[in-house]
Protein backbone atom coordinates (compact mmCIF):
# COMPACT_ATOMS: atom_id res chain seq x y z
CA UNK A 1 10.20 -25.22 29.34
CA UNK A 2 13.35 -26.05 27.24
CA UNK A 3 16.56 -26.27 29.43
CA UNK A 4 19.77 -25.30 27.75
CA UNK A 5 22.88 -26.85 29.49
CA UNK A 6 25.20 -23.94 29.51
CA UNK A 7 26.68 -24.23 33.09
CA UNK A 8 30.21 -25.21 33.25
CA UNK A 9 31.04 -24.46 29.55
CA UNK A 10 34.52 -23.27 28.70
CA UNK A 11 33.02 -20.15 27.43
CA UNK A 12 30.26 -18.54 29.57
CA UNK A 13 26.94 -17.69 27.90
CA UNK A 14 24.59 -15.05 28.83
CA UNK A 15 21.06 -15.92 30.04
CA UNK A 16 19.51 -13.68 27.32
CA UNK A 17 21.35 -15.72 24.62
CA UNK A 18 20.42 -19.13 26.07
CA UNK A 19 16.75 -17.99 26.66
CA UNK A 20 16.57 -16.84 23.08
CA UNK A 21 17.82 -20.26 21.80
CA UNK A 22 15.52 -22.09 24.23
CA UNK A 23 12.48 -20.21 22.79
CA UNK A 24 13.56 -21.19 19.24
CA UNK A 25 13.90 -24.87 20.29
CA UNK A 26 10.44 -25.05 22.03
CA UNK A 27 8.61 -26.45 18.89
CA UNK A 28 11.30 -29.13 18.58
CA UNK A 29 11.47 -30.31 22.18
CA UNK A 30 11.12 -34.02 21.31
CA UNK A 31 13.80 -34.02 18.59
CA UNK A 32 17.20 -35.54 19.10
CA UNK A 33 19.19 -32.62 17.56
CA UNK A 34 18.44 -29.28 15.83
CA UNK A 35 20.62 -27.18 13.63
CA UNK A 36 19.46 -23.52 13.39
CA UNK A 37 20.69 -21.45 10.47
CA UNK A 38 20.52 -17.62 10.71
CA UNK A 39 20.88 -15.79 7.38
CA UNK A 40 20.77 -12.21 6.35
CA UNK A 41 19.13 -12.39 2.83
CA UNK A 42 21.04 -9.30 1.71
CA UNK A 43 24.54 -10.52 2.76
CA UNK A 44 26.94 -10.84 -0.12
CA UNK A 45 30.58 -10.84 -0.83
CA UNK A 46 30.49 -7.42 -2.56
CA UNK A 47 28.01 -5.59 -0.29
CA UNK A 48 28.70 -7.22 3.13
CA UNK A 49 26.02 -7.51 5.74
CA UNK A 50 25.44 -9.69 8.71
CA UNK A 51 27.42 -12.99 8.76
CA UNK A 52 25.53 -16.21 8.41
CA UNK A 53 25.46 -18.27 11.70
CA UNK A 54 24.83 -21.87 12.29
CA UNK A 55 24.11 -23.36 15.75
CA UNK A 56 23.82 -27.02 16.46
CA UNK A 57 22.27 -28.35 19.69
CA UNK A 58 21.76 -31.94 20.89
CA UNK A 59 18.98 -33.15 23.15
CA UNK A 60 20.27 -35.17 26.04
CA UNK A 61 17.01 -35.88 27.60
CA UNK A 62 17.64 -33.68 30.64
CA UNK A 63 18.43 -30.70 28.56
CA UNK A 64 19.99 -29.38 25.31
CA UNK A 65 23.66 -29.22 24.84
CA UNK A 66 25.52 -26.90 22.45
CA UNK A 67 27.50 -28.96 19.89
CA UNK A 68 28.95 -25.99 17.90
CA UNK A 69 28.35 -22.34 16.85
CA UNK A 70 29.84 -21.24 13.59
CA UNK A 71 30.00 -17.76 12.09
CA UNK A 72 30.66 -17.70 8.46
CA UNK A 73 32.04 -14.91 6.14
CA UNK A 74 32.95 -14.47 2.57
CA UNK A 75 36.62 -14.75 1.62
CA UNK A 76 37.51 -12.97 -1.58
CA UNK A 77 35.36 -10.89 -3.83
CA UNK A 78 33.25 -11.18 -6.86
CA UNK A 79 32.76 -14.57 -8.56
CA UNK A 80 35.88 -15.79 -6.61
CA UNK A 81 34.38 -15.22 -3.22
CA UNK A 82 33.61 -18.29 -1.08
CA UNK A 83 31.80 -18.63 2.22
CA UNK A 84 34.22 -19.89 4.85
CA UNK A 85 34.28 -20.26 8.60
CA UNK A 86 35.18 -17.01 10.35
CA UNK A 87 34.61 -18.17 13.95
CA UNK A 88 33.94 -21.72 15.05
CA UNK A 89 33.20 -22.45 18.70
CA UNK A 90 33.26 -26.31 18.66
CA UNK A 91 32.06 -27.43 22.09
CA UNK A 92 32.23 -31.16 21.14
CA UNK A 93 35.88 -31.07 20.20
CA UNK A 94 36.84 -28.37 22.82
CA UNK A 95 38.49 -26.11 20.19
CA UNK A 96 37.91 -22.59 18.77
CA UNK A 97 38.93 -21.92 15.15
CA UNK A 98 39.28 -18.65 13.31
CA UNK A 99 41.19 -17.57 10.22
CA UNK A 100 44.43 -17.68 12.15
CA UNK A 101 44.25 -21.23 13.34
CA UNK A 102 42.78 -23.60 15.86
CA UNK A 103 42.98 -23.04 19.64
CA UNK A 104 41.71 -24.55 22.93
CA UNK A 105 38.25 -23.23 23.37
CA UNK A 106 39.10 -21.78 26.76
CA UNK A 107 41.22 -19.10 24.79
CA UNK A 108 38.05 -17.90 23.03
CA UNK A 109 36.18 -16.48 26.14
CA UNK A 110 36.64 -12.75 25.13
CA UNK A 111 35.98 -13.45 21.47
CA UNK A 112 32.84 -15.36 22.38
CA UNK A 113 31.50 -12.62 24.60
CA UNK A 114 31.97 -10.06 21.82
CA UNK A 115 30.32 -12.35 19.15
CA UNK A 116 27.47 -13.18 21.52
CA UNK A 117 26.68 -9.59 22.31
CA UNK A 118 26.66 -8.74 18.62
CA UNK A 119 24.52 -11.84 17.63
CA UNK A 120 21.93 -11.12 20.35
CA UNK A 121 21.59 -7.59 19.17
CA UNK A 122 21.27 -8.54 15.48
CA UNK A 123 18.89 -11.46 16.10
CA UNK A 124 16.61 -9.99 18.83
CA UNK A 125 16.80 -6.26 18.44
CA UNK A 126 17.53 -5.64 14.70
CA UNK A 127 15.91 -8.90 13.58
CA UNK A 128 18.16 -9.14 10.54
CA UNK A 129 18.12 -12.94 10.21
CA UNK A 130 15.80 -15.41 8.60
CA UNK A 131 15.95 -18.73 10.50
CA UNK A 132 15.72 -22.27 9.16
CA UNK A 133 15.82 -25.44 11.16
CA UNK A 134 17.31 -28.80 10.27
CA UNK A 135 16.23 -31.66 12.51
CA UNK A 136 18.35 -34.74 13.41
C-alpha cells in the first residue's frame, strides 16, 4: 500500500484526499517522483469550468511527500486569456501563493480546506477530470 506523508504538514489534509492520491500513485510505486495533472476538457476562458490542477509528489522510500499543489485559472478573456496560477501550495518552499501575493503556507489552512473539499468532490464524485501522469 502506498503511504502518503501528510502528518505534520502546515496544512492538514483529509484522509479521503490522501487515500485518493495514494490510489492514483499505486501503479507508480517504484518511481522517484510523479506529477499528476487533472484537466476538465471543457474548461475555457470564455465558458469557465473546473480549474486545472497539478499535484507533484516525491517518493522518499518510506512514503510519498507532497512537493506542491497548484490550481490554475484563466486570467483575461478571448484570445488574450492566459492560464495562470490561482492557488499554489508549495510545500517544498513553505509558501502559499495566490493572485494577491505570497504568504507563509501556515496562513493557507482555511483556503486549503475549502480547496480540498471542492477538489475531492469534483474528482471523486463528479469525476470531471481527465488525469495524466508525468514520471520523474
